[in-house]
Every structure is written in C-alpha cells, then in structure tokens.
C-alpha cells in the first residue's frame, strides 16, 4: 500500500510538471557545466525531473545494497557463533550427581 501511494505521488508530480511545461512553450537557455543549449521548457522540465528521479533511486539503491550486505555479514557471524556454542552445549557437563558430598 505504501509503495502504491509513493508511486501515485511521483506520477502526480510528473503529470503536473508535464502539464505546466506543455503550457509554456518558451525556449530557454540552459547553461550546464561544459556548454549551453536552447530547450523548450517542457522538455527541460521533464528531462530534469526524470534525471533527478533516476539519481535518487540509484542513491537509495546503493544504501539498500549496503544495508543488505551488512545484514548478510551479521547473519553469517551469528550462524558461526551458534555453531561454536552448539558443541559446547552438546558436550556440556550434565551434572546428575548431587552437589553435596555424603
């Protein structure tokens, strides 16, 4: 449900940006690092929104991947520690004799 709401929000933002851009057919000069270009404002708005969306997902994906790798390492460490504890518990001293001598 949460992902559906996020998708609808992103879709609404994209539709609004395309609608606003379609109403503005002006040519604008866009200066970027190495050059500059003349673009219609609707094309520029849609392109920059898409680029920001993709960059955001890439950054979130990298953080998610890092967390998943940390989780996998932690699970392997837990399994290794459980294997070390299991032989000690299996061969542990089961004291059936009374603690007090007669």
Protein backbone atom coordinates (compact mmCIF):
# COMPACT_ATOMS: atom_id res chain seq x y z
CA UNK A 1 0.00 0.00 0.00
CA UNK A 2 2.85 2.34 0.89
CA UNK A 3 4.56 1.74 -2.46
CA UNK A 4 1.34 2.41 -4.33
CA UNK A 5 0.95 5.78 -2.58
CA UNK A 6 4.56 6.70 -3.36
CA UNK A 7 4.08 5.70 -7.00
CA UNK A 8 0.90 7.78 -7.24
CA UNK A 9 2.64 10.78 -5.69
CA UNK A 10 5.53 10.55 -8.16
CA UNK A 11 3.10 10.10 -11.03
CA UNK A 12 1.11 13.15 -9.92
CA UNK A 13 4.26 15.27 -9.71
CA UNK A 14 5.32 14.13 -13.17
CA UNK A 15 1.88 14.87 -14.65
CA UNK A 16 1.83 18.34 -13.08
CA UNK A 17 5.33 19.09 -14.37
CA UNK A 18 4.47 17.94 -17.90
CA UNK A 19 1.22 19.93 -17.82
CA UNK A 20 3.00 23.07 -16.65
CA UNK A 21 5.68 22.52 -19.23
CA UNK A 22 3.17 21.98 -22.03
CA UNK A 23 1.54 25.31 -21.23
CA UNK A 24 4.92 27.05 -21.50
CA UNK A 25 6.34 26.58 -24.99
CA UNK A 26 9.04 29.14 -24.44
CA UNK A 27 12.62 28.49 -25.42
CA UNK A 28 15.06 28.82 -22.56
CA UNK A 29 18.83 28.84 -22.49
CA UNK A 30 20.12 26.19 -20.15
CA UNK A 31 23.73 26.55 -19.01
CA UNK A 32 25.36 23.33 -17.87
CA UNK A 33 28.98 22.71 -16.94
CA UNK A 34 30.54 22.35 -20.37
CA UNK A 35 28.15 24.11 -22.71
CA UNK A 36 24.73 25.66 -23.03
CA UNK A 37 21.69 24.80 -25.08
CA UNK A 38 18.31 26.10 -26.16
CA UNK A 39 15.47 23.88 -24.96
CA UNK A 40 11.70 24.09 -24.70
CA UNK A 41 10.83 24.49 -21.06
CA UNK A 42 8.53 21.43 -21.13
CA UNK A 43 11.31 19.19 -22.45
CA UNK A 44 13.80 20.58 -19.96
CA UNK A 45 11.39 20.17 -17.04
CA UNK A 46 10.57 16.56 -17.94
CA UNK A 47 14.23 15.68 -18.51
CA UNK A 48 15.42 17.19 -15.22
CA UNK A 49 12.61 15.53 -13.27
CA UNK A 50 13.47 12.14 -14.80
CA UNK A 51 17.19 12.65 -14.16
CA UNK A 52 16.56 13.57 -10.51
CA UNK A 53 14.24 10.60 -10.07
CA UNK A 54 16.80 8.17 -11.51
CA UNK A 55 19.67 9.63 -9.46
CA UNK A 56 17.55 9.43 -6.31
CA UNK A 57 16.70 5.77 -6.93
CA UNK A 58 20.36 4.96 -7.61
CA UNK A 59 21.44 6.55 -4.33
CA UNK A 60 18.67 4.78 -2.40
CA UNK A 61 19.59 1.52 -4.12
CA UNK A 62 23.21 1.87 -3.05
CA UNK A 63 22.20 2.48 0.57
CA UNK A 64 19.81 -0.51 0.43
CA UNK A 65 22.55 -2.72 -1.03
CA UNK A 66 24.96 -1.65 1.71
CA UNK A 67 22.42 -2.50 4.41
CA UNK A 68 21.67 -5.89 2.82
CA UNK A 69 25.39 -6.73 2.73
CA UNK A 70 25.76 -5.75 6.39
CA UNK A 71 22.77 -7.92 7.25
CA UNK A 72 24.22 -10.90 5.37
CA UNK A 73 27.55 -10.49 7.20
CA UNK A 74 25.77 -10.28 10.56
CA UNK A 75 23.71 -13.41 9.82
CA UNK A 76 26.88 -15.33 8.85
CA UNK A 77 28.55 -14.19 12.06
CA UNK A 78 25.54 -15.28 14.13
CA UNK A 79 25.50 -18.68 12.42
CA UNK A 80 29.24 -19.12 13.04
CA UNK A 81 28.85 -18.20 16.72
CA UNK A 82 25.89 -20.57 17.11
CA UNK A 83 28.00 -23.38 15.63
CA UNK A 84 30.74 -22.62 18.14
CA UNK A 85 28.29 -22.66 21.04
CA UNK A 86 26.44 -25.82 19.92
CA UNK A 87 29.34 -28.27 20.53
CA UNK A 88 29.94 -26.79 23.98
CA UNK A 89 26.27 -27.19 24.88
CA UNK A 90 26.13 -30.75 23.47
CA UNK A 91 29.25 -31.90 25.31
CA UNK A 92 28.50 -29.70 28.31
CA UNK A 93 28.83 -31.11 31.74
CA UNK A 94 25.49 -32.50 32.77
CA UNK A 95 25.83 -32.73 36.48
CA UNK A 96 23.49 -35.51 37.65
CA UNK A 97 25.42 -36.15 40.85
CA UNK A 98 24.43 -34.20 43.92
CA UNK A 99 26.45 -31.12 44.62
CA UNK A 100 26.97 -32.03 48.29
CA UNK A 101 29.17 -34.98 49.22
CA UNK A 102 27.89 -37.52 51.73
